[in-house]
Amino acid sequence: MVRTQTFLLLGLILFSRQWVGPDVARAATLDRLEASVNSSLILASDVKRFRDTVGLRAQLDPLFAGTSIAAEKAAAKDADIIQFLIDERLIAQAFPVTDAEVEQEISSIQSTNKIDRASLKNALREQGYTFDDYFNLIRTSAAKRNLIDRDIRTKVTISDEDVKNHFYNHKLRSGAAPTAYRIHLIALARSTYKNPGVHRVAAEDALKAIRAGEAFADVARRVSDDPSKETGGDLGTLTDDQMNPAFKAQVKKLKLGEISDVFGNPAQQLFILKLVDVASDDTGPLNKQKEEIRSQLTAQEYSRQIALWLERQRQTAFIHRAGEPSIASLPKAP
């Protein structure tokens, strides 16, 4: 399939050079091929059009804001624009939008803004854009919204714990440490085991059981030598001053709900910690920033999920960029 598409593409290019008139051939040479995505071609004129309409795209494209190319705008490198257009074609091919659907959306926009088609065209012309530019970007934007609505939205969930985690981790990095941590503990004393090897294996087995799905509290009741085993390892809430340095060092590495690796002195005790919660005397800043943090994390997760989606699409698409070998899989001639 890859070879067939490549030969067809090469044939098309050769045909255009050999059989069209000289004026058309010169135009075709100027409007060179930059890349192809399955059966869709990206030409030099597409890169130019991107630069010419970057302001309109900023108004319409739901996946444009926040990208590096949005910051650079018309000054973006050709290679970056081409990659953006490749990703855009992948989305458009997976979520095609018909002319009728574009017309319906434009009519809805006109109705909402109480303007007719002539007024819309005049407004676009005053900004330096054509109606065709607008029509094509509405189509592209609709395809991207379809991707978000049909594939991405259900994969993005930001919990209160995620928000709290981000807030306190940020405070930790900035040096404004929270007041106290709620910790669960499993402690295995060396004296309980016959030799150091068995002691270490017992600790690692306990950690494996937790990571395999057994409740931390159940494992603590079963194997821990600490008095807190009766409450599932719950040590309550401890301030920085109340924790020993080894515990503090481990807790600072953890996010809410995370489990530490096995640590401690093999000659005495080995430990496993779970960070259950983080508390502060001043929850005001968290409450004020909660929705802002949630929006920020949501945007980041949308970007991550879209990047994963695009990577999956690239694995199955035929993508060729100008300058790359036309048929990479063919062996070299002897």
Protein backbone atom coordinates (compact mmCIF):
# COMPACT_ATOMS: atom_id res chain seq x y z
CA MET A 1 0.00 0.00 0.00
CA VAL A 2 2.82 2.40 0.92
CA ARG A 3 4.68 1.65 -2.33
CA THR A 4 1.53 2.02 -4.42
CA GLN A 5 0.74 5.43 -2.92
CA THR A 6 4.31 6.59 -3.40
CA PHE A 7 4.45 5.51 -7.03
CA LEU A 8 1.14 7.24 -7.70
CA LEU A 9 2.47 10.41 -6.11
CA LEU A 10 5.71 10.27 -8.07
CA GLY A 11 3.75 9.60 -11.24
CA LEU A 12 1.53 12.60 -10.62
CA ILE A 13 4.54 14.87 -10.14
CA LEU A 14 6.31 13.56 -13.23
CA PHE A 15 3.11 13.87 -15.30
CA SER A 16 2.67 17.49 -14.25
CA ARG A 17 6.22 18.30 -15.29
CA GLN A 18 6.14 16.52 -18.64
CA TRP A 19 2.67 17.14 -20.02
CA VAL A 20 1.37 20.47 -18.81
CA GLY A 21 2.19 23.72 -20.57
CA PRO A 22 5.33 25.69 -19.63
CA ASP A 23 3.44 28.38 -17.69
CA VAL A 24 1.54 25.81 -15.63
CA ALA A 25 4.69 23.78 -15.13
CA ARG A 26 6.47 26.83 -13.73
CA ALA A 27 3.56 27.45 -11.33
CA ALA A 28 3.62 23.81 -10.27
CA THR A 29 7.36 24.05 -9.60
CA LEU A 30 6.86 27.18 -7.50
CA ASP A 31 4.04 25.59 -5.54
CA ARG A 32 6.21 22.69 -4.51
CA LEU A 33 5.12 19.64 -2.55
CA GLU A 34 6.10 19.90 1.14
CA ALA A 35 4.45 16.76 2.51
CA SER A 36 1.70 14.23 1.96
CA VAL A 37 -0.65 12.65 4.49
CA ASN A 38 -2.25 9.56 3.00
CA SER A 39 -3.88 10.99 -0.15
CA SER A 40 -3.76 14.65 0.99
CA LEU A 41 -0.99 16.93 -0.24
CA ILE A 42 0.57 19.84 1.67
CA LEU A 43 2.02 22.44 -0.68
CA ALA A 44 4.21 25.49 -0.24
CA SER A 45 1.10 27.59 -0.85
CA ASP A 46 -0.53 25.93 2.17
CA VAL A 47 2.36 27.08 4.35
CA LYS A 48 2.03 30.60 2.97
CA ARG A 49 -1.74 30.55 3.51
CA PHE A 50 -1.16 29.44 7.10
CA ARG A 51 1.01 32.49 7.70
CA ASP A 52 -1.43 34.80 5.95
CA THR A 53 -4.40 33.58 8.00
CA VAL A 54 -2.73 32.97 11.36
CA GLY A 55 -4.78 35.76 12.98
CA LEU A 56 -8.05 34.23 11.80
CA ARG A 57 -6.90 30.80 12.94
CA ALA A 58 -6.23 32.20 16.40
CA GLN A 59 -9.92 33.18 16.54
CA LEU A 60 -11.35 29.89 15.24
CA ASP A 61 -9.00 26.96 15.88
CA PRO A 62 -9.71 25.29 19.27
CA LEU A 63 -6.29 23.58 19.32
CA PHE A 64 -4.18 26.57 18.31
CA ALA A 65 -3.96 28.65 21.48
CA GLY A 66 -1.19 27.68 23.89
CA THR A 67 0.97 25.97 21.27
CA SER A 68 4.51 27.12 20.50
CA ILE A 69 3.49 27.88 16.93
CA ALA A 70 0.72 30.18 18.21
CA ALA A 71 3.32 32.20 20.12
CA GLU A 72 5.52 32.56 17.03
CA LYS A 73 2.57 33.17 14.64
CA ALA A 74 3.68 34.11 11.12
CA ALA A 75 7.33 33.96 12.20
CA ALA A 76 7.11 30.20 12.85
CA LYS A 77 9.54 27.99 10.95
CA ASP A 78 8.34 26.22 7.81
CA ALA A 79 9.08 22.82 9.36
CA ASP A 80 6.91 23.60 12.40
CA ILE A 81 4.03 24.82 10.25
CA ILE A 82 4.27 21.72 8.04
CA GLN A 83 4.14 19.46 11.10
CA PHE A 84 1.12 21.38 12.39
CA LEU A 85 -0.59 20.95 9.00
CA ILE A 86 0.25 17.23 8.95
CA ASP A 87 -1.45 16.78 12.33
CA GLU A 88 -4.36 18.86 11.09
CA ARG A 89 -4.83 16.63 8.05
CA LEU A 90 -4.80 13.53 10.28
CA ILE A 91 -7.63 15.03 12.34
CA ALA A 92 -9.58 16.11 9.24
CA GLN A 93 -9.31 12.63 7.74
CA ALA A 94 -10.46 10.93 10.94
CA PHE A 95 -13.35 13.39 11.48
CA PRO A 96 -14.46 14.61 8.03
CA VAL A 97 -16.79 17.62 7.90
CA THR A 98 -19.01 18.12 4.84
CA ASP A 99 -19.64 21.39 3.02
CA ALA A 100 -23.24 21.25 4.23
CA GLU A 101 -22.08 21.01 7.86
CA VAL A 102 -19.76 23.98 7.38
CA GLU A 103 -22.58 25.99 5.81
CA GLN A 104 -24.83 25.12 8.72
CA GLU A 105 -22.25 26.29 11.25
CA ILE A 106 -21.60 29.53 9.39
CA SER A 107 -25.35 30.18 9.16
CA SER A 108 -25.58 29.60 12.92
CA ILE A 109 -22.74 32.08 13.52
CA GLN A 110 -24.47 34.64 11.31
CA SER A 111 -27.74 34.13 13.16
CA THR A 112 -26.11 34.49 16.57
CA ASN A 113 -24.34 37.68 15.52
CA LYS A 114 -27.33 38.97 13.52
CA ILE A 115 -25.37 39.53 10.30
CA ASP A 116 -25.97 38.35 6.73
CA ARG A 117 -23.47 36.67 4.41
CA ALA A 118 -22.52 39.91 2.66
CA SER A 119 -21.73 41.61 5.98
CA LEU A 120 -19.65 38.62 7.06
CA LYS A 121 -17.65 38.74 3.83
CA ASN A 122 -17.10 42.47 4.21
CA ALA A 123 -15.90 42.02 7.79
CA LEU A 124 -13.46 39.33 6.68
CA ARG A 125 -12.23 41.46 3.78
CA GLU A 126 -11.53 44.37 6.14
CA GLN A 127 -9.28 42.05 8.18
CA GLY A 128 -7.48 40.88 5.05
CA TYR A 129 -9.12 37.45 4.75
CA THR A 130 -11.28 35.81 2.10
CA PHE A 131 -14.50 33.94 2.66
CA ASP A 132 -12.75 30.79 1.39
CA ASP A 133 -10.15 31.19 4.17
CA TYR A 134 -12.97 31.45 6.68
CA PHE A 135 -14.88 28.50 5.22
CA ASN A 136 -11.83 26.22 5.29
CA LEU A 137 -10.89 27.19 8.84
CA ILE A 138 -14.46 26.60 10.03
CA ARG A 139 -14.21 23.10 8.53
CA THR A 140 -10.86 22.48 10.22
CA SER A 141 -12.11 23.83 13.55
CA ALA A 142 -15.23 21.65 13.40
CA ALA A 143 -13.09 18.53 12.80
CA LYS A 144 -10.94 19.38 15.82
CA ARG A 145 -13.99 19.94 18.03
CA ASN A 146 -15.31 16.56 16.88
CA LEU A 147 -12.03 14.97 17.96
CA ILE A 148 -12.35 16.61 21.37
CA ASP A 149 -16.04 15.74 21.82
CA ARG A 150 -15.95 12.19 20.50
CA ASP A 151 -12.56 10.90 21.62
CA ILE A 152 -10.76 13.15 24.10
CA ARG A 153 -13.32 14.63 26.49
CA THR A 154 -14.22 11.35 28.22
CA LYS A 155 -10.52 10.68 28.94
CA VAL A 156 -9.96 13.93 30.83
CA THR A 157 -10.94 13.97 34.50
CA ILE A 158 -9.32 16.26 37.06
CA SER A 159 -10.19 15.34 40.63
CA ASP A 160 -10.07 17.51 43.76
CA GLU A 161 -7.08 15.39 44.80
CA ASP A 162 -5.27 16.30 41.58
CA VAL A 163 -5.91 19.99 42.27
CA LYS A 164 -4.74 19.72 45.85
CA ASN A 165 -1.68 17.75 44.80
CA HIS A 166 -0.68 20.42 42.28
CA PHE A 167 -1.21 23.21 44.79
CA TYR A 168 0.87 21.70 47.57
CA ASN A 169 3.61 20.41 45.29
CA HIS A 170 3.94 23.93 43.92
CA LYS A 171 4.19 25.33 47.46
CA LEU A 172 6.81 22.73 48.30
CA ARG A 173 8.92 23.66 45.29
CA SER A 174 8.64 27.34 46.16
CA GLY A 175 9.77 26.66 49.73
CA ALA A 176 6.40 27.38 51.40
CA ALA A 177 5.94 23.92 52.90
CA PRO A 178 2.50 22.79 54.07
CA THR A 179 1.90 22.35 57.78
CA ALA A 180 1.30 18.63 58.16
CA TYR A 181 0.98 15.27 56.42
CA ARG A 182 -1.31 12.35 57.10
CA ILE A 183 0.72 9.16 56.73
CA HIS A 184 0.11 5.42 56.79
CA LEU A 185 3.06 3.20 57.73
CA ILE A 186 4.26 -0.38 57.38
CA ALA A 187 7.34 -1.18 59.48
CA LEU A 188 9.18 -4.50 59.44
CA ALA A 189 11.70 -5.04 62.27
CA ARG A 190 14.90 -6.96 61.49
CA SER A 191 14.54 -8.94 64.73
CA THR A 192 11.37 -10.60 63.40
CA TYR A 193 13.28 -12.41 60.60
CA LYS A 194 16.02 -15.02 60.60
CA ASN A 195 18.37 -13.27 58.20
CA PRO A 196 18.70 -9.97 56.33
CA GLY A 197 17.73 -11.53 53.01
CA VAL A 198 14.39 -12.78 54.32
CA HIS A 199 13.79 -9.41 55.98
CA ARG A 200 14.25 -7.54 52.70
CA VAL A 201 12.18 -10.05 50.71
CA ALA A 202 9.30 -9.71 53.19
CA ALA A 203 9.32 -5.92 52.76
CA GLU A 204 9.44 -6.15 48.96
CA ASP A 205 6.64 -8.75 48.98
CA ALA A 206 4.48 -6.40 51.06
CA LEU A 207 5.10 -3.59 48.57
CA LYS A 208 4.27 -5.89 45.62
CA ALA A 209 1.01 -6.91 47.29
CA ILE A 210 -0.04 -3.26 47.67
CA ARG A 211 0.86 -2.40 44.09
CA ALA A 212 -1.02 -5.49 42.92
CA GLY A 213 -4.19 -4.12 44.50
CA GLU A 214 -4.28 -5.26 48.13
CA ALA A 215 -5.31 -2.45 50.47
CA PHE A 216 -2.43 -0.77 52.29
CA ALA A 217 -4.33 -1.09 55.58
CA ASP A 218 -4.81 -4.84 55.11
CA VAL A 219 -1.10 -5.38 54.37
CA ALA A 220 -0.18 -3.24 57.39
CA ARG A 221 -2.40 -5.33 59.69
CA ARG A 222 -0.89 -8.51 58.27
CA VAL A 223 2.86 -7.78 58.30
CA SER A 224 3.67 -4.52 60.11
CA ASP A 225 5.52 -4.57 63.45
CA ASP A 226 4.50 -1.00 64.33
CA PRO A 227 1.72 -0.45 66.90
CA SER A 228 -0.17 1.48 64.18
CA LYS A 229 -0.94 -1.87 62.50
CA GLU A 230 -4.16 -2.02 64.55
CA THR A 231 -5.45 1.03 62.65
CA GLY A 232 -4.12 -0.11 59.27
CA GLY A 233 -0.85 1.77 59.69
CA ASP A 234 -2.49 5.17 60.26
CA LEU A 235 -0.03 7.47 62.05
CA GLY A 236 -2.43 10.37 62.03
CA THR A 237 -1.27 13.84 61.00
CA LEU A 238 2.38 14.77 61.55
CA THR A 239 4.11 18.10 61.06
CA ASP A 240 7.58 18.42 59.57
CA ASP A 241 8.96 18.82 63.07
CA GLN A 242 7.27 15.64 64.28
CA MET A 243 8.61 13.42 61.48
CA ASN A 244 12.07 11.91 61.53
CA PRO A 245 14.30 13.00 58.63
CA ALA A 246 14.01 9.65 56.80
CA PHE A 247 10.20 9.81 56.79
CA LYS A 248 10.23 13.48 55.78
CA ALA A 249 12.57 12.78 52.84
CA GLN A 250 10.25 10.06 51.54
CA VAL A 251 7.04 12.05 52.02
CA LYS A 252 8.43 15.02 50.09
CA LYS A 253 8.80 12.74 47.03
CA LEU A 254 5.20 11.52 47.09
CA LYS A 255 1.96 12.79 45.63
CA LEU A 256 -1.32 12.25 47.44
CA GLY A 257 -2.22 8.57 47.46
CA GLU A 258 1.24 7.40 46.38
CA ILE A 259 3.26 4.64 48.04
CA SER A 260 6.98 4.91 48.74
CA ASP A 261 9.57 2.29 47.84
CA VAL A 262 10.99 0.18 50.64
CA PHE A 263 13.48 2.26 52.65
CA GLY A 264 15.23 2.25 56.01
CA ASN A 265 18.15 0.50 57.73
CA PRO A 266 18.22 -3.23 56.86
CA ALA A 267 20.02 -3.93 60.14
CA GLN A 268 17.10 -2.46 62.12
CA GLN A 269 13.83 -1.66 60.33
CA LEU A 270 12.47 -1.33 56.81
CA PHE A 271 9.53 0.94 56.03
CA ILE A 272 6.84 1.59 53.46
CA LEU A 273 4.87 4.86 53.58
CA LYS A 274 1.65 6.06 51.99
CA LEU A 275 0.89 9.78 51.78
CA VAL A 276 -2.84 10.01 52.45
CA ASP A 277 -3.35 13.77 52.76
CA VAL A 278 -1.62 17.11 53.20
CA ALA A 279 -3.00 19.81 55.46
CA SER A 280 -2.27 23.50 55.96
CA ASP A 281 -3.32 26.05 58.52
CA ASP A 282 -4.16 28.40 55.67
CA THR A 283 -6.51 26.82 53.12
CA GLY A 284 -7.54 30.21 51.75
CA PRO A 285 -5.02 30.28 48.89
CA LEU A 286 -6.05 26.79 47.81
CA ASN A 287 -9.74 27.70 47.77
CA LYS A 288 -9.01 30.87 45.79
CA GLN A 289 -6.87 29.08 43.22
CA LYS A 290 -8.79 25.81 43.01
CA GLU A 291 -10.72 26.52 39.80
CA GLU A 292 -7.74 28.19 38.14
CA ILE A 293 -5.60 25.14 38.91
CA ARG A 294 -8.35 22.81 37.69
CA SER A 295 -8.53 24.70 34.38
CA GLN A 296 -4.77 24.61 34.01
CA LEU A 297 -4.57 20.86 34.70
CA THR A 298 -7.52 20.22 32.38
CA ALA A 299 -5.82 22.08 29.53
CA GLN A 300 -2.60 20.15 30.13
CA GLU A 301 -4.42 16.82 30.12
CA TYR A 302 -6.31 17.71 26.93
CA SER A 303 -2.98 18.51 25.27
CA ARG A 304 -1.49 15.24 26.48
CA GLN A 305 -4.43 13.15 25.28
CA ILE A 306 -4.46 14.88 21.88
CA ALA A 307 -0.71 14.26 21.52
CA LEU A 308 -1.27 10.57 22.29
CA TRP A 309 -4.11 10.41 19.76
CA LEU A 310 -1.97 12.01 17.06
CA GLU A 311 0.89 9.63 17.77
CA ARG A 312 -1.44 6.65 17.33
CA GLN A 313 -2.68 8.09 14.03
CA ARG A 314 0.87 8.63 12.77
CA GLN A 315 1.65 4.96 13.36
CA THR A 316 -0.95 3.88 10.79
CA ALA A 317 -0.86 6.79 8.32
CA PHE A 318 1.33 7.18 5.24
CA ILE A 319 3.22 10.43 5.86
CA HIS A 320 5.96 11.67 3.57
CA ARG A 321 7.91 14.92 3.85
CA ALA A 322 9.83 16.59 1.06
CA GLY A 323 13.48 15.62 1.15
CA GLU A 324 12.87 12.21 2.71
CA PRO A 325 13.48 9.03 0.67
CA SER A 326 10.36 8.40 -1.40
CA ILE A 327 10.24 4.69 -0.60
CA ALA A 328 12.26 4.04 2.50
CA SER A 329 11.45 0.33 2.54
CA LEU A 330 12.95 -0.48 -0.90
CA PRO A 331 16.41 -2.08 -0.79
CA LYS A 332 19.31 -0.26 -2.39
CA ALA A 333 20.40 -1.43 -5.82
CA PRO A 334 23.48 -3.68 -5.71
